[in-house]
C-alpha atoms as a PDB file:
ATOM      1  CA  UNK A   1     104.097  81.958  97.331  1.00  0.00           C
ATOM      2  CA  UNK A   2     105.606  80.001  94.488  1.00  0.00           C
ATOM      3  CA  UNK A   3     103.642  79.261  91.313  1.00  0.00           C
ATOM      4  CA  UNK A   4     103.004  75.677  92.377  1.00  0.00           C
ATOM      5  CA  UNK A   5     102.008  76.251  95.987  1.00  0.00           C
ATOM      6  CA  UNK A   6      98.550  76.015  97.545  1.00  0.00           C
ATOM      7  CA  UNK A   7      97.975  77.552 100.963  1.00  0.00           C
ATOM      8  CA  UNK A   8      94.945  76.518 103.010  1.00  0.00           C
ATOM      9  CA  UNK A   9      93.784  78.476 106.052  1.00  0.00           C
ATOM     10  CA  UNK A  10      91.165  76.879 108.307  1.00  0.00           C
ATOM     11  CA  UNK A  11      89.092  78.314 111.156  1.00  0.00           C
ATOM     12  CA  UNK A  12      86.174  76.983 113.154  1.00  0.00           C
ATOM     13  CA  UNK A  13      85.925  73.392 114.255  1.00  0.00           C
ATOM     14  CA  UNK A  14      88.686  71.547 116.056  1.00  0.00           C
ATOM     15  CA  UNK A  15      92.250  70.577 115.257  1.00  0.00           C
ATOM     16  CA  UNK A  16      90.872  67.162 114.244  1.00  0.00           C
ATOM     17  CA  UNK A  17      88.506  68.911 111.812  1.00  0.00           C
ATOM     18  CA  UNK A  18      91.419  70.876 110.331  1.00  0.00           C
ATOM     19  CA  UNK A  19      93.369  67.640 109.895  1.00  0.00           C
ATOM     20  CA  UNK A  20      90.344  66.013 108.206  1.00  0.00           C
ATOM     21  CA  UNK A  21      90.187  68.846 105.669  1.00  0.00           C
ATOM     22  CA  UNK A  22      93.915  68.612 104.974  1.00  0.00           C
ATOM     23  CA  UNK A  23      93.669  64.829 104.560  1.00  0.00           C
ATOM     24  CA  UNK A  24      90.779  65.304 102.113  1.00  0.00           C
ATOM     25  CA  UNK A  25      93.086  67.380  99.898  1.00  0.00           C
ATOM     26  CA  UNK A  26      95.937  64.845  99.936  1.00  0.00           C
ATOM     27  CA  UNK A  27      94.587  62.646  97.102  1.00  0.00           C
ATOM     28  CA  UNK A  28      94.712  65.675  94.800  1.00  0.00           C
ATOM     29  CA  UNK A  29      97.813  67.468  96.118  1.00  0.00           C
ATOM     30  CA  UNK A  30      99.954  64.943  97.994  1.00  0.00           C
ATOM     31  CA  UNK A  31     100.918  65.388 101.629  1.00  0.00           C
ATOM     32  CA  UNK A  32     100.854  68.799 103.232  1.00  0.00           C
ATOM     33  CA  UNK A  33     104.175  70.077 104.480  1.00  0.00           C
ATOM     34  CA  UNK A  34     102.800  69.832 108.023  1.00  0.00           C
ATOM     35  CA  UNK A  35      99.489  68.713 109.542  1.00  0.00           C
ATOM     36  CA  UNK A  36      97.618  71.050 111.908  1.00  0.00           C
ATOM     37  CA  UNK A  37      98.689  70.077 115.413  1.00  0.00           C
ATOM     38  CA  UNK A  38      98.233  72.915 117.924  1.00  0.00           C
ATOM     39  CA  UNK A  39      95.081  72.083 119.884  1.00  0.00           C
ATOM     40  CA  UNK A  40      94.912  75.665 121.242  1.00  0.00           C
ATOM     41  CA  UNK A  41      95.020  77.359 117.826  1.00  0.00           C
ATOM     42  CA  UNK A  42      91.899  79.001 116.451  1.00  0.00           C
ATOM     43  CA  UNK A  43      93.327  79.225 112.922  1.00  0.00           C
ATOM     44  CA  UNK A  44      95.286  76.452 111.195  1.00  0.00           C
ATOM     45  CA  UNK A  45      97.369  76.680 108.039  1.00  0.00           C
ATOM     46  CA  UNK A  46      98.597  73.982 105.677  1.00  0.00           C
ATOM     47  CA  UNK A  47     100.720  74.300 102.562  1.00  0.00           C
ATOM     48  CA  UNK A  48     100.805  71.941  99.591  1.00  0.00           C
ATOM     49  CA  UNK A  49     103.006  71.857  96.534  1.00  0.00           C
ATOM     50  CA  UNK A  50     100.145  71.650  94.042  1.00  0.00           C
ATOM     51  CA  UNK A  51     100.293  69.190  91.219  1.00  0.00           C
ATOM     52  CA  UNK A  52     102.748  66.886  92.987  1.00  0.00           C
ATOM     53  CA  UNK A  53     100.508  63.890  92.421  1.00  0.00           C
ATOM     54  CA  UNK A  54      98.246  62.603  89.674  1.00  0.00           C
ATOM     55  CA  UNK A  55      95.960  60.615  91.943  1.00  0.00           C
ATOM     56  CA  UNK A  56      92.261  61.147  91.408  1.00  0.00           C
ATOM     57  CA  UNK A  57      90.553  63.731  93.591  1.00  0.00           C
ATOM     58  CA  UNK A  58      87.526  61.417  93.649  1.00  0.00           C
ATOM     59  CA  UNK A  59      89.286  59.397  96.345  1.00  0.00           C
ATOM     60  CA  UNK A  60      88.647  62.280  98.748  1.00  0.00           C
ATOM     61  CA  UNK A  61      84.966  61.464  99.106  1.00  0.00           C
ATOM     62  CA  UNK A  62      85.677  57.926 100.229  1.00  0.00           C
ATOM     63  CA  UNK A  63      88.432  58.840 102.670  1.00  0.00           C
ATOM     64  CA  UNK A  64      87.128  62.082 104.195  1.00  0.00           C
ATOM     65  CA  UNK A  65      86.513  62.168 107.920  1.00  0.00           C
ATOM     66  CA  UNK A  66      83.359  63.772 109.232  1.00  0.00           C
ATOM     67  CA  UNK A  67      83.590  67.262 110.693  1.00  0.00           C
ATOM     68  CA  UNK A  68      82.361  68.062 114.206  1.00  0.00           C
ATOM     69  CA  UNK A  69      81.473  71.672 113.315  1.00  0.00           C
ATOM     70  CA  UNK A  70      81.459  73.995 110.301  1.00  0.00           C
ATOM     71  CA  UNK A  71      84.946  74.916 109.096  1.00  0.00           C
ATOM     72  CA  UNK A  72      85.768  78.051 107.119  1.00  0.00           C
ATOM     73  CA  UNK A  73      88.479  77.323 104.569  1.00  0.00           C
ATOM     74  CA  UNK A  74      90.410  79.830 102.480  1.00  0.00           C
ATOM     75  CA  UNK A  75      92.429  78.345  99.613  1.00  0.00           C
ATOM     76  CA  UNK A  76      95.026  80.496  97.882  1.00  0.00           C
ATOM     77  CA  UNK A  77      97.223  79.712  94.886  1.00  0.00           C
ATOM     78  CA  UNK A  78      97.119  79.561  91.116  1.00  0.00           C
ATOM     79  CA  UNK A  79      93.614  79.624  89.640  1.00  0.00           C
ATOM     80  CA  UNK A  80      94.024  75.961  88.615  1.00  0.00           C
ATOM     81  CA  UNK A  81      95.146  74.894  92.120  1.00  0.00           C
ATOM     82  CA  UNK A  82      92.318  76.840  93.784  1.00  0.00           C
ATOM     83  CA  UNK A  83      89.727  75.268  91.456  1.00  0.00           C
ATOM     84  CA  UNK A  84      91.175  71.794  92.045  1.00  0.00           C
ATOM     85  CA  UNK A  85      91.136  72.290  95.834  1.00  0.00           C
ATOM     86  CA  UNK A  86      87.602  73.703  95.783  1.00  0.00           C
ATOM     87  CA  UNK A  87      86.212  70.824  93.728  1.00  0.00           C
ATOM     88  CA  UNK A  88      88.067  68.243  95.838  1.00  0.00           C
ATOM     89  CA  UNK A  89      86.625  69.681  99.053  1.00  0.00           C
ATOM     90  CA  UNK A  90      83.143  69.891  97.500  1.00  0.00           C
ATOM     91  CA  UNK A  91      83.332  66.154  96.781  1.00  0.00           C
ATOM     92  CA  UNK A  92      84.383  65.401 100.349  1.00  0.00           C
ATOM     93  CA  UNK A  93      82.096  67.692 102.383  1.00  0.00           C
ATOM     94  CA  UNK A  94      78.868  69.666 102.020  1.00  0.00           C
ATOM     95  CA  UNK A  95      80.300  72.992 100.837  1.00  0.00           C
ATOM     96  CA  UNK A  96      79.090  76.581 100.587  1.00  0.00           C
ATOM     97  CA  UNK A  97      81.149  78.822  98.302  1.00  0.00           C
ATOM     98  CA  UNK A  98      81.557  82.238  99.929  1.00  0.00           C
ATOM     99  CA  UNK A  99      83.303  83.878  96.983  1.00  0.00           C
ATOM    100  CA  UNK A 100      86.535  84.312  95.112  1.00  0.00           C
ATOM    101  CA  UNK A 101      89.060  87.109  94.694  1.00  0.00           C
ATOM    102  CA  UNK A 102      91.526  87.092  91.824  1.00  0.00           C
ATOM    103  CA  UNK A 103      94.894  88.782  91.685  1.00  0.00           C
ATOM    104  CA  UNK A 104      97.414  89.086  88.892  1.00  0.00           C
ATOM    105  CA  UNK A 105      98.572  85.455  88.988  1.00  0.00           C
ATOM    106  CA  UNK A 106      96.811  83.914  91.945  1.00  0.00           C
ATOM    107  CA  UNK A 107      93.351  83.431  93.309  1.00  0.00           C
ATOM    108  CA  UNK A 108      91.757  83.128  96.738  1.00  0.00           C
ATOM    109  CA  UNK A 109      88.466  81.351  97.458  1.00  0.00           C
ATOM    110  CA  UNK A 110      86.582  81.041 100.734  1.00  0.00           C
ATOM    111  CA  UNK A 111      84.441  77.976 101.450  1.00  0.00           C
ATOM    112  CA  UNK A 112      82.393  76.866 104.444  1.00  0.00           C
ATOM    113  CA  UNK A 113      82.454  73.106 104.958  1.00  0.00           C
ATOM    114  CA  UNK A 114      79.578  71.575 106.902  1.00  0.00           C
ATOM    115  CA  UNK A 115      79.596  68.458 109.111  1.00  0.00           C
END
């Protein structure tokens, strides 16, 4: 993982729910390299080059789709990228923080997003 990359892993919910979460992060991070697409997958992954855009994360609340079921999201990257992703998702969805683990230069946080 490069110093400017944010990786998002999503489980629970549908492929449409995973896409909604990824789209909610786009105002803060720009477009993901690839949107979740496999309808048979139980875990989806998206990667962003963090800091590629200066648009306000507040846009996420207005543009977020509703979820059909709870989605567990793990965000991994620099501490700044993880904090930015966590706060962006908290603005877009009801969110329960499940904890954070910090490494030498990166951080991982798990969130549960509610419909």
